[in-house]
Amino acid sequence: MSAVENVLQQHVLQVASAVEEQLDAEIQQLDELDSDGIEKLREQRLKQMRNEAKARQEWLAKGHGDYEELAEEKEFFGLVKQSPNMVVHFYKDGSPRCKIVDHHLKILAKKHLECRFCKINVERAPFLTERLRIKMIPTLALVKDGITKDYIVGFTDLGNCDDFSTEMLEWRIAQSFAIDYKGDLMNPPDQRKMKKTRLVPKTIRGKEHDDDEDDINDW
């Protein structure tokens, strides 16, 4: 065995030993809990569950859980003050890919009550479309705490294909921390599709466009 291999092996053993010691300490801590300690953990868990239930009720009261369409721009500015996390789909009638996005967002709206999912027609939102410099459809604006953190333009980040999964869109939205995500943020769920040919999103006027740079805006 070479000196380098020996050093690497020693390092691996040290890391494994440290992890094992940490696990042993946690197990011992649990074993040493008396009835008072167990009761304290139980109360903490019940408090957490009550807070989660209260938050769910508040979200539902604000309209979370449904994928809604905004009739006009001023609705957006009102909602962004109510909901700290929002996903806004800028779409145009007759776009097949906008309908694909609609399908996935309807599912995610019910799953992630902590975030508000909505859409707005670019033709009815000229000021907002211009302010965010929305150039292509579909485009998703990911808003957190009143600030537009990120954009998803077309399907480039979703595997460059029309048949990406809901989980893939969920993972990409989670990159902006607009939703609570339990998965691995480092690795997309649809990795097998990531090498497919890129789809070119369409501009608002319906022409192909390959410029997907948008500025981040706050409200």
Protein backbone atom coordinates (compact mmCIF):
# COMPACT_ATOMS: atom_id res chain seq x y z
CA MET A 1 0.00 0.00 0.00
CA SER A 2 1.36 3.42 -0.94
CA ALA A 3 1.84 6.23 1.56
CA VAL A 4 -1.04 8.21 0.00
CA GLU A 5 -3.42 5.24 0.20
CA ASN A 6 -2.39 4.67 3.81
CA VAL A 7 -3.14 8.31 4.72
CA LEU A 8 -6.52 8.16 2.98
CA GLN A 9 -7.41 4.96 4.78
CA GLN A 10 -6.47 6.46 8.13
CA HIS A 11 -8.59 9.53 7.37
CA VAL A 12 -11.61 7.40 6.49
CA LEU A 13 -11.20 5.40 9.69
CA GLN A 14 -10.99 8.59 11.74
CA VAL A 15 -14.15 9.99 10.19
CA ALA A 16 -16.00 6.69 10.72
CA SER A 17 -14.83 6.59 14.32
CA ALA A 18 -16.01 10.15 14.96
CA VAL A 19 -19.44 9.40 13.48
CA GLU A 20 -19.72 6.25 15.58
CA GLU A 21 -18.82 8.15 18.74
CA GLN A 22 -21.44 10.79 17.97
CA LEU A 23 -24.12 8.14 17.44
CA ASP A 24 -23.13 6.38 20.66
CA ALA A 25 -23.40 9.66 22.56
CA GLU A 26 -26.88 10.35 21.14
CA ILE A 27 -28.05 6.83 21.98
CA GLN A 28 -26.69 7.13 25.50
CA GLN A 29 -28.44 10.47 25.91
CA LEU A 30 -31.75 8.88 24.92
CA ASP A 31 -31.15 5.91 27.22
CA GLU A 32 -30.51 8.23 30.15
CA LEU A 33 -33.76 10.15 29.72
CA ASP A 34 -35.97 9.79 32.75
CA SER A 35 -39.73 10.16 32.77
CA ASP A 36 -39.39 13.96 33.10
CA GLY A 37 -37.11 14.12 30.08
CA ILE A 38 -39.44 11.99 27.98
CA GLU A 39 -42.39 14.15 29.01
CA LYS A 40 -40.45 17.27 28.03
CA LEU A 41 -39.74 15.85 24.57
CA ARG A 42 -43.40 14.93 24.24
CA GLU A 43 -44.50 18.47 25.12
CA GLN A 44 -42.03 19.95 22.62
CA ARG A 45 -43.38 17.69 19.88
CA LEU A 46 -46.99 18.53 20.72
CA LYS A 47 -46.16 22.24 20.64
CA GLN A 48 -44.50 21.82 17.24
CA MET A 49 -47.55 19.96 15.91
CA ARG A 50 -49.91 22.67 17.21
CA ASN A 51 -47.81 25.38 15.58
CA GLU A 52 -47.79 23.47 12.28
CA ALA A 53 -51.57 23.00 12.41
CA LYS A 54 -52.05 26.71 13.15
CA ALA A 55 -49.80 27.67 10.24
CA ARG A 56 -51.75 25.38 7.90
CA GLN A 57 -55.02 27.03 8.93
CA GLU A 58 -53.58 30.48 8.34
CA TRP A 59 -52.24 29.51 4.92
CA LEU A 60 -55.58 28.02 3.87
CA ALA A 61 -57.40 31.13 5.09
CA LYS A 62 -55.18 33.24 2.83
CA GLY A 63 -55.98 31.09 -0.19
CA HIS A 64 -52.95 28.83 -0.21
CA GLY A 65 -53.49 25.29 -1.50
CA ASP A 66 -55.07 26.37 -4.78
CA TYR A 67 -53.42 27.33 -8.04
CA GLU A 68 -55.18 30.58 -8.83
CA GLU A 69 -55.22 32.97 -11.75
CA LEU A 70 -54.75 36.68 -11.13
CA ALA A 71 -57.18 38.76 -13.17
CA GLU A 72 -55.09 41.92 -13.00
CA GLU A 73 -51.72 43.20 -11.88
CA LYS A 74 -52.81 44.90 -8.67
CA GLU A 75 -53.82 41.52 -7.27
CA PHE A 76 -50.18 40.47 -7.36
CA PHE A 77 -49.02 43.43 -5.30
CA GLY A 78 -51.69 42.69 -2.70
CA LEU A 79 -50.82 39.01 -2.44
CA VAL A 80 -47.09 39.54 -2.18
CA LYS A 81 -47.72 41.45 1.06
CA GLN A 82 -49.76 38.57 2.49
CA SER A 83 -47.69 35.57 1.46
CA PRO A 84 -43.92 35.50 2.08
CA ASN A 85 -43.43 32.68 -0.44
CA MET A 86 -44.89 32.84 -3.94
CA VAL A 87 -44.49 31.12 -7.31
CA VAL A 88 -45.92 33.19 -10.15
CA HIS A 89 -46.34 31.69 -13.61
CA PHE A 90 -46.29 34.22 -16.45
CA TYR A 91 -48.15 32.60 -19.30
CA LYS A 92 -49.92 33.23 -22.59
CA ASP A 93 -53.09 31.62 -23.93
CA GLY A 94 -52.52 28.89 -26.47
CA SER A 95 -49.05 27.89 -25.30
CA PRO A 96 -48.74 24.09 -24.90
CA ARG A 97 -45.78 24.43 -22.57
CA CYS A 98 -47.65 26.84 -20.33
CA LYS A 99 -50.32 24.15 -19.96
CA ILE A 100 -47.63 21.67 -18.94
CA VAL A 101 -46.50 24.07 -16.22
CA ASP A 102 -50.13 24.50 -15.11
CA HIS A 103 -50.45 20.75 -14.61
CA HIS A 104 -47.45 20.55 -12.30
CA LEU A 105 -48.21 23.71 -10.34
CA LYS A 106 -51.73 22.49 -9.52
CA ILE A 107 -50.16 19.47 -7.85
CA LEU A 108 -47.48 21.44 -6.02
CA ALA A 109 -49.98 24.04 -4.76
CA LYS A 110 -51.80 21.34 -2.79
CA LYS A 111 -48.57 19.79 -1.52
CA HIS A 112 -46.83 22.99 -0.41
CA LEU A 113 -49.31 25.07 1.54
CA GLU A 114 -46.45 27.23 2.79
CA CYS A 115 -46.19 28.77 -0.67
CA ARG A 116 -48.75 30.57 -2.82
CA PHE A 117 -48.97 29.41 -6.43
CA CYS A 118 -50.61 31.62 -9.03
CA LYS A 119 -50.44 32.63 -12.67
CA ILE A 120 -51.00 35.77 -14.68
CA ASN A 121 -51.48 36.34 -18.39
CA VAL A 122 -48.67 38.51 -19.77
CA GLU A 123 -51.13 40.27 -22.05
CA ARG A 124 -53.11 41.48 -19.03
CA ALA A 125 -50.02 42.44 -17.05
CA PRO A 126 -47.92 44.75 -19.24
CA PHE A 127 -46.47 46.78 -16.35
CA LEU A 128 -45.50 43.75 -14.28
CA THR A 129 -44.14 41.92 -17.32
CA GLU A 130 -42.01 44.92 -18.23
CA ARG A 131 -40.81 45.48 -14.67
CA LEU A 132 -39.62 41.88 -14.32
CA ARG A 133 -38.33 41.92 -17.90
CA ILE A 134 -40.26 38.78 -18.74
CA LYS A 135 -39.16 37.96 -22.28
CA MET A 136 -40.21 34.34 -22.70
CA ILE A 137 -43.05 32.07 -21.78
CA PRO A 138 -43.43 30.11 -19.70
CA THR A 139 -41.49 31.97 -17.00
CA LEU A 140 -41.86 31.38 -13.26
CA ALA A 141 -40.95 34.17 -10.85
CA LEU A 142 -39.95 32.81 -7.43
CA VAL A 143 -40.69 35.36 -4.72
CA LYS A 144 -39.58 35.15 -1.08
CA ASP A 145 -40.22 37.82 1.54
CA GLY A 146 -41.25 40.33 -1.11
CA ILE A 147 -38.12 39.84 -3.21
CA THR A 148 -37.98 38.06 -6.56
CA LYS A 149 -35.18 35.62 -5.80
CA ASP A 150 -35.05 33.65 -9.02
CA TYR A 151 -36.65 32.84 -12.37
CA ILE A 152 -37.33 29.57 -14.15
CA VAL A 153 -37.32 30.40 -17.86
CA GLY A 154 -38.67 27.74 -20.18
CA PHE A 155 -37.68 24.14 -19.48
CA THR A 156 -33.90 24.57 -19.63
CA ASP A 157 -33.45 23.86 -15.92
CA LEU A 158 -35.97 21.02 -15.93
CA GLY A 159 -34.16 18.51 -18.12
CA ASN A 160 -34.70 20.22 -21.50
CA CYS A 161 -37.79 18.14 -22.19
CA ASP A 162 -41.56 18.45 -22.10
CA ASP A 163 -42.06 15.32 -19.98
CA PHE A 164 -40.16 16.42 -16.88
CA SER A 165 -41.68 15.24 -13.61
CA THR A 166 -43.49 17.27 -10.98
CA GLU A 167 -40.64 16.32 -8.65
CA MET A 168 -38.17 17.95 -11.02
CA LEU A 169 -40.04 21.26 -10.97
CA GLU A 170 -40.42 20.98 -7.20
CA TRP A 171 -36.65 20.51 -6.86
CA ARG A 172 -35.91 23.51 -9.07
CA ILE A 173 -38.34 25.76 -7.16
CA ALA A 174 -36.71 24.64 -3.92
CA GLN A 175 -33.42 26.14 -5.09
CA SER A 176 -34.89 29.56 -4.22
CA PHE A 177 -36.12 28.32 -0.80
CA ALA A 178 -39.67 29.36 -1.67
CA ILE A 179 -40.92 25.95 -0.49
CA ASP A 180 -40.01 23.54 2.30
CA TYR A 181 -38.12 20.75 0.57
CA LYS A 182 -37.08 17.47 2.18
CA GLY A 183 -35.09 16.10 -0.73
CA ASP A 184 -31.50 16.48 -1.91
CA LEU A 185 -30.99 19.99 -3.26
CA MET A 186 -27.65 19.01 -4.78
CA ASN A 187 -29.00 16.33 -7.12
CA PRO A 188 -32.04 16.71 -9.41
CA PRO A 189 -34.53 13.81 -9.37
CA ASP A 190 -34.60 13.53 -13.19
CA GLN A 191 -30.85 13.24 -13.78
CA ARG A 192 -31.37 10.78 -16.62
CA LYS A 193 -33.04 13.53 -18.67
CA MET A 194 -30.52 16.27 -18.06
CA LYS A 195 -28.49 15.54 -21.18
CA LYS A 196 -31.34 15.87 -23.66
CA THR A 197 -31.36 18.58 -26.30
CA ARG A 198 -32.29 21.98 -24.97
CA LEU A 199 -35.75 23.28 -25.75
CA VAL A 200 -35.85 26.91 -26.81
CA PRO A 201 -38.63 28.79 -24.99
CA LYS A 202 -40.74 31.20 -26.93
CA THR A 203 -40.82 34.92 -26.51
CA ILE A 204 -44.05 36.61 -25.50
CA ARG A 205 -44.66 37.41 -29.16
CA GLY A 206 -44.33 33.74 -30.07
CA LYS A 207 -40.89 33.83 -31.68
CA GLU A 208 -37.99 31.65 -30.65
CA HIS A 209 -35.48 33.38 -28.43
CA ASP A 210 -32.33 32.11 -26.75
CA ASP A 211 -31.71 34.96 -24.33
CA ASP A 212 -32.84 33.84 -20.89
CA GLU A 213 -31.23 36.54 -18.77
CA ASP A 214 -33.58 38.38 -16.42
CA ASP A 215 -32.81 40.86 -13.69
CA ILE A 216 -33.88 40.19 -10.11
CA ASN A 217 -36.44 42.68 -8.84
CA ASP A 218 -37.84 43.43 -5.41
CA TRP A 219 -41.22 44.91 -4.55
